[in-house]
Amino acid sequence: MAVISVRVNEEIKKRMERLKHINWSEVIRKAIIEVLEEEEGRNLARAVLLNEKIRKKAPKGWSSTEVIRFWREHRYGKTGKRR
């Protein structure tokens, strides 16, 4: 595991020392994980909202199959061989 250090003021340190039965490293680890998951979830939510904003509906009558076929024929010709 990697090691990080955290600074707390003297009052907090004294209070922590009174509760020796608590694994403070584990408390801090869980708090970090909680914040990471919350932020990552928030970033995902932002990405979904952004995707919905920029997403456009295809015009009526537009066919992706026809567009793909057109460009494949344009690139490879009717024979299927690359030009």
PDB file of N, CA and C in Angstrom:
ATOM      1  N   MET A   1       0.837  -1.192   0.000  1.00  0.00           N
ATOM      2  CA  MET A   1       0.000   0.000   0.000  1.00  0.00           C
ATOM      3  C   MET A   1       0.873   1.243   0.000  1.00  0.00           C
ATOM      4  N   ALA A   2       0.369   2.286  -0.611  1.00  0.00           N
ATOM      5  CA  ALA A   2       1.052   3.572  -0.592  1.00  0.00           C
ATOM      6  C   ALA A   2       0.792   4.251   0.749  1.00  0.00           C
ATOM      7  N   VAL A   3       1.690   5.140   1.129  1.00  0.00           N
ATOM      8  CA  VAL A   3       1.552   5.863   2.390  1.00  0.00           C
ATOM      9  C   VAL A   3       1.329   7.338   2.085  1.00  0.00           C
ATOM     10  N   ILE A   4       0.320   7.915   2.752  1.00  0.00           N
ATOM     11  CA  ILE A   4       0.104   9.358   2.682  1.00  0.00           C
ATOM     12  C   ILE A   4       0.076   9.867   4.113  1.00  0.00           C
ATOM     13  N   SER A   5       0.296  11.140   4.293  1.00  0.00           N
ATOM     14  CA  SER A   5       0.200  11.686   5.648  1.00  0.00           C
ATOM     15  C   SER A   5      -0.871  12.766   5.669  1.00  0.00           C
ATOM     16  N   VAL A   6      -1.495  12.886   6.829  1.00  0.00           N
ATOM     17  CA  VAL A   6      -2.576  13.845   7.017  1.00  0.00           C
ATOM     18  C   VAL A   6      -2.234  14.685   8.238  1.00  0.00           C
ATOM     19  N   ARG A   7      -2.403  15.973   8.124  1.00  0.00           N
ATOM     20  CA  ARG A   7      -2.141  16.856   9.255  1.00  0.00           C
ATOM     21  C   ARG A   7      -3.459  17.261   9.909  1.00  0.00           C
ATOM     22  N   VAL A   8      -3.472  17.183  11.225  1.00  0.00           N
ATOM     23  CA  VAL A   8      -4.617  17.653  12.008  1.00  0.00           C
ATOM     24  C   VAL A   8      -4.074  18.551  13.121  1.00  0.00           C
ATOM     25  N   ASN A   9      -4.924  19.421  13.639  1.00  0.00           N
ATOM     26  CA  ASN A   9      -4.445  20.287  14.718  1.00  0.00           C
ATOM     27  C   ASN A   9      -4.321  19.496  16.027  1.00  0.00           C
ATOM     28  N   GLU A  10      -3.691  20.093  17.005  1.00  0.00           N
ATOM     29  CA  GLU A  10      -3.407  19.405  18.283  1.00  0.00           C
ATOM     30  C   GLU A  10      -4.675  18.940  18.995  1.00  0.00           C
ATOM     31  N   GLU A  11      -5.700  19.743  18.969  1.00  0.00           N
ATOM     32  CA  GLU A  11      -6.947  19.380  19.643  1.00  0.00           C
ATOM     33  C   GLU A  11      -7.546  18.106  19.046  1.00  0.00           C
ATOM     34  N   ILE A  12      -7.576  18.041  17.730  1.00  0.00           N
ATOM     35  CA  ILE A  12      -8.112  16.834  17.078  1.00  0.00           C
ATOM     36  C   ILE A  12      -7.250  15.628  17.409  1.00  0.00           C
ATOM     37  N   LYS A  13      -5.946  15.803  17.391  1.00  0.00           N
ATOM     38  CA  LYS A  13      -5.024  14.695  17.708  1.00  0.00           C
ATOM     39  C   LYS A  13      -5.278  14.174  19.124  1.00  0.00           C
ATOM     40  N   LYS A  14      -5.464  15.061  20.099  1.00  0.00           N
ATOM     41  CA  LYS A  14      -5.737  14.645  21.490  1.00  0.00           C
ATOM     42  C   LYS A  14      -7.049  13.869  21.568  1.00  0.00           C
ATOM     43  N   ARG A  15      -8.057  14.351  20.866  1.00  0.00           N
ATOM     44  CA  ARG A  15      -9.347  13.653  20.872  1.00  0.00           C
ATOM     45  C   ARG A  15      -9.218  12.270  20.246  1.00  0.00           C
ATOM     46  N   MET A  16      -8.445  12.179  19.180  1.00  0.00           N
ATOM     47  CA  MET A  16      -8.231  10.876  18.531  1.00  0.00           C
ATOM     48  C   MET A  16      -7.503   9.921  19.471  1.00  0.00           C
ATOM     49  N   GLU A  17      -6.537  10.418  20.198  1.00  0.00           N
ATOM     50  CA  GLU A  17      -5.769   9.572  21.123  1.00  0.00           C
ATOM     51  C   GLU A  17      -6.632   9.012  22.232  1.00  0.00           C
ATOM     52  N   ARG A  18      -7.697   9.725  22.615  1.00  0.00           N
ATOM     53  CA  ARG A  18      -8.611   9.217  23.648  1.00  0.00           C
ATOM     54  C   ARG A  18      -9.433   8.027  23.137  1.00  0.00           C
ATOM     55  N   LEU A  19      -9.514   7.912  21.832  1.00  0.00           N
ATOM     56  CA  LEU A  19     -10.291   6.816  21.233  1.00  0.00           C
ATOM     57  C   LEU A  19      -9.347   5.848  20.525  1.00  0.00           C
ATOM     58  N   LYS A  20      -8.454   5.255  21.281  1.00  0.00           N
ATOM     59  CA  LYS A  20      -7.418   4.389  20.724  1.00  0.00           C
ATOM     60  C   LYS A  20      -7.974   3.131  20.036  1.00  0.00           C
ATOM     61  N   HIS A  21      -9.161   2.733  20.407  1.00  0.00           N
ATOM     62  CA  HIS A  21      -9.746   1.523  19.830  1.00  0.00           C
ATOM     63  C   HIS A  21     -10.159   1.719  18.355  1.00  0.00           C
ATOM     64  N   ILE A  22     -10.183   2.959  17.914  1.00  0.00           N
ATOM     65  CA  ILE A  22     -10.577   3.241  16.523  1.00  0.00           C
ATOM     66  C   ILE A  22      -9.348   3.211  15.627  1.00  0.00           C
ATOM     67  N   ASN A  23      -9.479   2.521  14.494  1.00  0.00           N
ATOM     68  CA  ASN A  23      -8.411   2.466  13.498  1.00  0.00           C
ATOM     69  C   ASN A  23      -8.570   3.686  12.599  1.00  0.00           C
ATOM     70  N   TRP A  24      -7.833   4.748  12.924  1.00  0.00           N
ATOM     71  CA  TRP A  24      -7.980   6.015  12.215  1.00  0.00           C
ATOM     72  C   TRP A  24      -7.551   5.900  10.756  1.00  0.00           C
ATOM     73  N   SER A  25      -6.590   5.045  10.480  1.00  0.00           N
ATOM     74  CA  SER A  25      -6.188   4.847   9.084  1.00  0.00           C
ATOM     75  C   SER A  25      -7.360   4.311   8.274  1.00  0.00           C
ATOM     76  N   GLU A  26      -8.095   3.382   8.858  1.00  0.00           N
ATOM     77  CA  GLU A  26      -9.245   2.804   8.165  1.00  0.00           C
ATOM     78  C   GLU A  26     -10.357   3.845   7.993  1.00  0.00           C
ATOM     79  N   VAL A  27     -10.559   4.678   9.004  1.00  0.00           N
ATOM     80  CA  VAL A  27     -11.566   5.741   8.919  1.00  0.00           C
ATOM     81  C   VAL A  27     -11.233   6.682   7.767  1.00  0.00           C
ATOM     82  N   ILE A  28      -9.972   7.074   7.689  1.00  0.00           N
ATOM     83  CA  ILE A  28      -9.541   7.991   6.628  1.00  0.00           C
ATOM     84  C   ILE A  28      -9.636   7.320   5.270  1.00  0.00           C
ATOM     85  N   ARG A  29      -9.227   6.048   5.179  1.00  0.00           N
ATOM     86  CA  ARG A  29      -9.308   5.293   3.928  1.00  0.00           C
ATOM     87  C   ARG A  29     -10.754   5.252   3.422  1.00  0.00           C
ATOM     88  N   LYS A  30     -11.700   4.941   4.332  1.00  0.00           N
ATOM     89  CA  LYS A  30     -13.117   4.876   3.943  1.00  0.00           C
ATOM     90  C   LYS A  30     -13.637   6.235   3.493  1.00  0.00           C
ATOM     91  N   ALA A  31     -13.213   7.295   4.170  1.00  0.00           N
ATOM     92  CA  ALA A  31     -13.651   8.643   3.799  1.00  0.00           C
ATOM     93  C   ALA A  31     -13.134   9.007   2.408  1.00  0.00           C
ATOM     94  N   ILE A  32     -11.887   8.650   2.121  1.00  0.00           N
ATOM     95  CA  ILE A  32     -11.314   8.934   0.803  1.00  0.00           C
ATOM     96  C   ILE A  32     -12.078   8.178  -0.277  1.00  0.00           C
ATOM     97  N   ILE A  33     -12.354   6.905  -0.034  1.00  0.00           N
ATOM     98  CA  ILE A  33     -13.091   6.089  -1.007  1.00  0.00           C
ATOM     99  C   ILE A  33     -14.490   6.674  -1.246  1.00  0.00           C
ATOM    100  N   GLU A  34     -15.134   7.102  -0.177  1.00  0.00           N
ATOM    101  CA  GLU A  34     -16.475   7.680  -0.296  1.00  0.00           C
ATOM    102  C   GLU A  34     -16.459   8.930  -1.179  1.00  0.00           C
ATOM    103  N   VAL A  35     -15.486   9.801  -0.948  1.00  0.00           N
ATOM    104  CA  VAL A  35     -15.388  11.026  -1.754  1.00  0.00           C
ATOM    105  C   VAL A  35     -15.074  10.678  -3.205  1.00  0.00           C
ATOM    106  N   LEU A  36     -14.155   9.733  -3.427  1.00  0.00           N
ATOM    107  CA  LEU A  36     -13.818   9.323  -4.792  1.00  0.00           C
ATOM    108  C   LEU A  36     -15.049   8.807  -5.528  1.00  0.00           C
ATOM    109  N   GLU A  37     -15.804   7.920  -4.889  1.00  0.00           N
ATOM    110  CA  GLU A  37     -16.993   7.355  -5.531  1.00  0.00           C
ATOM    111  C   GLU A  37     -18.042   8.426  -5.816  1.00  0.00           C
ATOM    112  N   GLU A  38     -18.201   9.358  -4.887  1.00  0.00           N
ATOM    113  CA  GLU A  38     -19.167  10.441  -5.082  1.00  0.00           C
ATOM    114  C   GLU A  38     -18.761  11.319  -6.267  1.00  0.00           C
ATOM    115  N   GLU A  39     -17.489  11.686  -6.323  1.00  0.00           N
ATOM    116  CA  GLU A  39     -17.006  12.540  -7.409  1.00  0.00           C
ATOM    117  C   GLU A  39     -17.055  11.821  -8.757  1.00  0.00           C
ATOM    118  N   GLU A  40     -16.664  10.547  -8.770  1.00  0.00           N
ATOM    119  CA  GLU A  40     -16.709   9.792 -10.020  1.00  0.00           C
ATOM    120  C   GLU A  40     -18.142   9.640 -10.505  1.00  0.00           C
ATOM    121  N   GLY A  41     -19.070   9.430  -9.586  1.00  0.00           N
ATOM    122  CA  GLY A  41     -20.489   9.348  -9.941  1.00  0.00           C
ATOM    123  C   GLY A  41     -20.997  10.667 -10.477  1.00  0.00           C
ATOM    124  N   ARG A  42     -20.553  11.753  -9.866  1.00  0.00           N
ATOM    125  CA  ARG A  42     -20.948  13.089 -10.315  1.00  0.00           C
ATOM    126  C   ARG A  42     -20.408  13.337 -11.721  1.00  0.00           C
ATOM    127  N   ASN A  43     -19.155  12.923 -11.971  1.00  0.00           N
ATOM    128  CA  ASN A  43     -18.574  13.098 -13.299  1.00  0.00           C
ATOM    129  C   ASN A  43     -19.335  12.291 -14.343  1.00  0.00           C
ATOM    130  N   LEU A  44     -19.745  11.087 -13.979  1.00  0.00           N
ATOM    131  CA  LEU A  44     -20.525  10.262 -14.902  1.00  0.00           C
ATOM    132  C   LEU A  44     -21.872  10.916 -15.188  1.00  0.00           C
ATOM    133  N   ALA A  45     -22.507  11.441 -14.146  1.00  0.00           N
ATOM    134  CA  ALA A  45     -23.797  12.109 -14.327  1.00  0.00           C
ATOM    135  C   ALA A  45     -23.645  13.322 -15.247  1.00  0.00           C
ATOM    136  N   ARG A  46     -22.555  14.082 -15.069  1.00  0.00           N
ATOM    137  CA  ARG A  46     -22.308  15.240 -15.936  1.00  0.00           C
ATOM    138  C   ARG A  46     -22.116  14.789 -17.379  1.00  0.00           C
ATOM    139  N   ALA A  47     -21.386  13.697 -17.561  1.00  0.00           N
ATOM    140  CA  ALA A  47     -21.131  13.195 -18.911  1.00  0.00           C
ATOM    141  C   ALA A  47     -22.443  12.774 -19.582  1.00  0.00           C
ATOM    142  N   VAL A  48     -23.310  12.122 -18.839  1.00  0.00           N
ATOM    143  CA  VAL A  48     -24.602  11.698 -19.394  1.00  0.00           C
ATOM    144  C   VAL A  48     -25.434  12.921 -19.774  1.00  0.00           C
ATOM    145  N   LEU A  49     -25.470  13.915 -18.901  1.00  0.00           N
ATOM    146  CA  LEU A  49     -26.239  15.130 -19.210  1.00  0.00           C
ATOM    147  C   LEU A  49     -25.677  15.850 -20.427  1.00  0.00           C
ATOM    148  N   LEU A  50     -24.357  15.942 -20.510  1.00  0.00           N
ATOM    149  CA  LEU A  50     -23.722  16.584 -21.664  1.00  0.00           C
ATOM    150  C   LEU A  50     -24.046  15.820 -22.941  1.00  0.00           C
ATOM    151  N   ASN A  51     -23.976  14.500 -22.878  1.00  0.00           N
ATOM    152  CA  ASN A  51     -24.294  13.671 -24.038  1.00  0.00           C
ATOM    153  C   ASN A  51     -25.737  13.902 -24.490  1.00  0.00           C
ATOM    154  N   GLU A  52     -26.650  14.006 -23.541  1.00  0.00           N
ATOM    155  CA  GLU A  52     -28.055  14.242 -23.888  1.00  0.00           C
ATOM    156  C   GLU A  52     -28.244  15.620 -24.530  1.00  0.00           C
ATOM    157  N   LYS A  53     -27.473  16.614 -24.061  1.00  0.00           N
ATOM    158  CA  LYS A  53     -27.598  17.964 -24.612  1.00  0.00           C
ATOM    159  C   LYS A  53     -27.127  18.027 -26.064  1.00  0.00           C
ATOM    160  N   ILE A  54     -26.027  17.334 -26.369  1.00  0.00           N
ATOM    161  CA  ILE A  54     -25.450  17.456 -27.712  1.00  0.00           C
ATOM    162  C   ILE A  54     -26.003  16.435 -28.697  1.00  0.00           C
ATOM    163  N   ARG A  55     -26.731  15.477 -28.188  1.00  0.00           N
ATOM    164  CA  ARG A  55     -27.300  14.451 -29.045  1.00  0.00           C
ATOM    165  C   ARG A  55     -28.378  15.048 -29.929  1.00  0.00           C
ATOM    166  N   LYS A  56     -28.333  14.702 -31.204  1.00  0.00           N
ATOM    167  CA  LYS A  56     -29.324  15.217 -32.145  1.00  0.00           C
ATOM    168  C   LYS A  56     -30.153  14.065 -32.695  1.00  0.00           C
ATOM    169  N   LYS A  57     -31.387  14.351 -32.931  1.00  0.00           N
ATOM    170  CA  LYS A  57     -32.256  13.374 -33.574  1.00  0.00           C
ATOM    171  C   LYS A  57     -31.970  13.377 -35.070  1.00  0.00           C
ATOM    172  N   ALA A  58     -32.023  12.211 -35.670  1.00  0.00           N
ATOM    173  CA  ALA A  58     -31.829  12.113 -37.119  1.00  0.00           C
ATOM    174  C   ALA A  58     -33.037  12.723 -37.818  1.00  0.00           C
ATOM    175  N   PRO A  59     -32.802  13.392 -38.937  1.00  0.00           N
ATOM    176  CA  PRO A  59     -33.929  13.959 -39.688  1.00  0.00           C
ATOM    177  C   PRO A  59     -34.872  12.852 -40.156  1.00  0.00           C
ATOM    178  N   LYS A  60     -36.103  13.193 -40.335  1.00  0.00           N
ATOM    179  CA  LYS A  60     -37.102  12.226 -40.773  1.00  0.00           C
ATOM    180  C   LYS A  60     -36.713  11.662 -42.137  1.00  0.00           C
ATOM    181  N   GLY A  61     -36.756  10.368 -42.274  1.00  0.00           N
ATOM    182  CA  GLY A  61     -36.433   9.719 -43.531  1.00  0.00           C
ATOM    183  C   GLY A  61     -34.948   9.398 -43.704  1.00  0.00           C
ATOM    184  N   TRP A  62     -34.112   9.776 -42.748  1.00  0.00           N
ATOM    185  CA  TRP A  62     -32.678   9.520 -42.847  1.00  0.00           C
ATOM    186  C   TRP A  62     -32.393   8.061 -42.533  1.00  0.00           C
ATOM    187  N   SER A  63     -31.550   7.425 -43.357  1.00  0.00           N
ATOM    188  CA  SER A  63     -31.252   6.012 -43.172  1.00  0.00           C
ATOM    189  C   SER A  63     -29.746   5.823 -43.017  1.00  0.00           C
ATOM    190  N   SER A  64     -29.342   5.372 -41.858  1.00  0.00           N
ATOM    191  CA  SER A  64     -27.914   5.131 -41.630  1.00  0.00           C
ATOM    192  C   SER A  64     -27.401   4.025 -42.545  1.00  0.00           C
ATOM    193  N   THR A  65     -28.233   3.063 -42.841  1.00  0.00           N
ATOM    194  CA  THR A  65     -27.828   1.968 -43.724  1.00  0.00           C
ATOM    195  C   THR A  65     -27.464   2.500 -45.104  1.00  0.00           C
ATOM    196  N   GLU A  66     -28.278   3.404 -45.621  1.00  0.00           N
ATOM    197  CA  GLU A  66     -27.995   3.975 -46.937  1.00  0.00           C
ATOM    198  C   GLU A  66     -26.719   4.804 -46.928  1.00  0.00           C
ATOM    199  N   VAL A  67     -26.476   5.545 -45.866  1.00  0.00           N
ATOM    200  CA  VAL A  67     -25.265   6.364 -45.767  1.00  0.00           C
ATOM    201  C   VAL A  67     -24.026   5.467 -45.712  1.00  0.00           C
ATOM    202  N   ILE A  68     -24.083   4.425 -44.912  1.00  0.00           N
ATOM    203  CA  ILE A  68     -22.950   3.494 -44.809  1.00  0.00           C
ATOM    204  C   ILE A  68     -22.688   2.829 -46.158  1.00  0.00           C
ATOM    205  N   ARG A  69     -23.761   2.364 -46.801  1.00  0.00           N
ATOM    206  CA  ARG A  69     -23.615   1.728 -48.116  1.00  0.00           C
ATOM    207  C   ARG A  69     -22.988   2.701 -49.122  1.00  0.00           C
ATOM    208  N   PHE A  70     -23.460   3.952 -49.135  1.00  0.00           N
ATOM    209  CA  PHE A  70     -22.926   4.963 -50.045  1.00  0.00           C
ATOM    210  C   PHE A  70     -21.422   5.126 -49.842  1.00  0.00           C
ATOM    211  N   TRP A  71     -20.986   5.290 -48.595  1.00  0.00           N
ATOM    212  CA  TRP A  71     -19.565   5.537 -48.350  1.00  0.00           C
ATOM    213  C   TRP A  71     -18.709   4.305 -48.599  1.00  0.00           C
ATOM    214  N   ARG A  72     -19.248   3.127 -48.330  1.00  0.00           N
ATOM    215  CA  ARG A  72     -18.489   1.904 -48.647  1.00  0.00           C
ATOM    216  C   ARG A  72     -18.300   1.770 -50.160  1.00  0.00           C
ATOM    217  N   GLU A  73     -19.360   2.025 -50.907  1.00  0.00           N
ATOM    218  CA  GLU A  73     -19.248   1.953 -52.363  1.00  0.00           C
ATOM    219  C   GLU A  73     -18.335   3.049 -52.892  1.00  0.00           C
ATOM    220  N   HIS A  74     -18.410   4.215 -52.302  1.00  0.00           N
ATOM    221  CA  HIS A  74     -17.551   5.324 -52.706  1.00  0.00           C
ATOM    222  C   HIS A  74     -16.080   4.989 -52.448  1.00  0.00           C
ATOM    223  N   ARG A  75     -15.798   4.366 -51.310  1.00  0.00           N
ATOM    224  CA  ARG A  75     -14.418   4.047 -50.947  1.00  0.00           C
ATOM    225  C   ARG A  75     -13.906   2.820 -51.699  1.00  0.00           C
ATOM    226  N   TYR A  76     -14.717   1.767 -51.753  1.00  0.00           N
ATOM    227  CA  TYR A  76     -14.251   0.495 -52.300  1.00  0.00           C
ATOM    228  C   TYR A  76     -14.787   0.192 -53.695  1.00  0.00           C
ATOM    229  N   GLY A  77     -15.776   0.892 -54.137  1.00  0.00           N
ATOM    230  CA  GLY A  77     -16.401   0.600 -55.427  1.00  0.00           C
ATOM    231  C   GLY A  77     -17.363  -0.553 -55.287  1.00  0.00           C
ATOM    232  N   LYS A  78     -18.024  -0.874 -56.346  1.00  0.00           N
ATOM    233  CA  LYS A  78     -19.027  -1.963 -56.308  1.00  0.00           C
ATOM    234  C   LYS A  78     -18.360  -3.329 -56.143  1.00  0.00           C
ATOM    235  N   THR A  79     -17.081  -3.445 -56.493  1.00  0.00           N
ATOM    236  CA  THR A  79     -16.391  -4.742 -56.422  1.00  0.00           C
ATOM    237  C   THR A  79     -15.984  -5.096 -54.991  1.00  0.00           C
ATOM    238  N   GLY A  80     -15.905  -4.104 -54.120  1.00  0.00           N
ATOM    239  CA  GLY A  80     -15.507  -4.389 -52.756  1.00  0.00           C
ATOM    240  C   GLY A  80     -14.013  -4.262 -52.533  1.00  0.00           C
ATOM    241  N   LYS A  81     -13.242  -4.010 -53.604  1.00  0.00           N
ATOM    242  CA  LYS A  81     -11.794  -3.858 -53.461  1.00  0.00           C
ATOM    243  C   LYS A  81     -11.458  -2.408 -53.238  1.00  0.00           C
ATOM    244  N   ARG A  82     -10.470  -2.167 -52.404  1.00  0.00           N
ATOM    245  CA  ARG A  82     -10.063  -0.790 -52.090  1.00  0.00           C
ATOM    246  C   ARG A  82      -9.450  -0.134 -53.325  1.00  0.00           C
ATOM    247  N   ARG A  83      -9.852   1.126 -53.546  1.00  0.00           N
ATOM    248  CA  ARG A  83      -9.346   1.875 -54.700  1.00  0.00           C
ATOM    249  C   ARG A  83      -7.989   2.433 -54.438  1.00  0.00           C
TER     250      ARG A  83
END
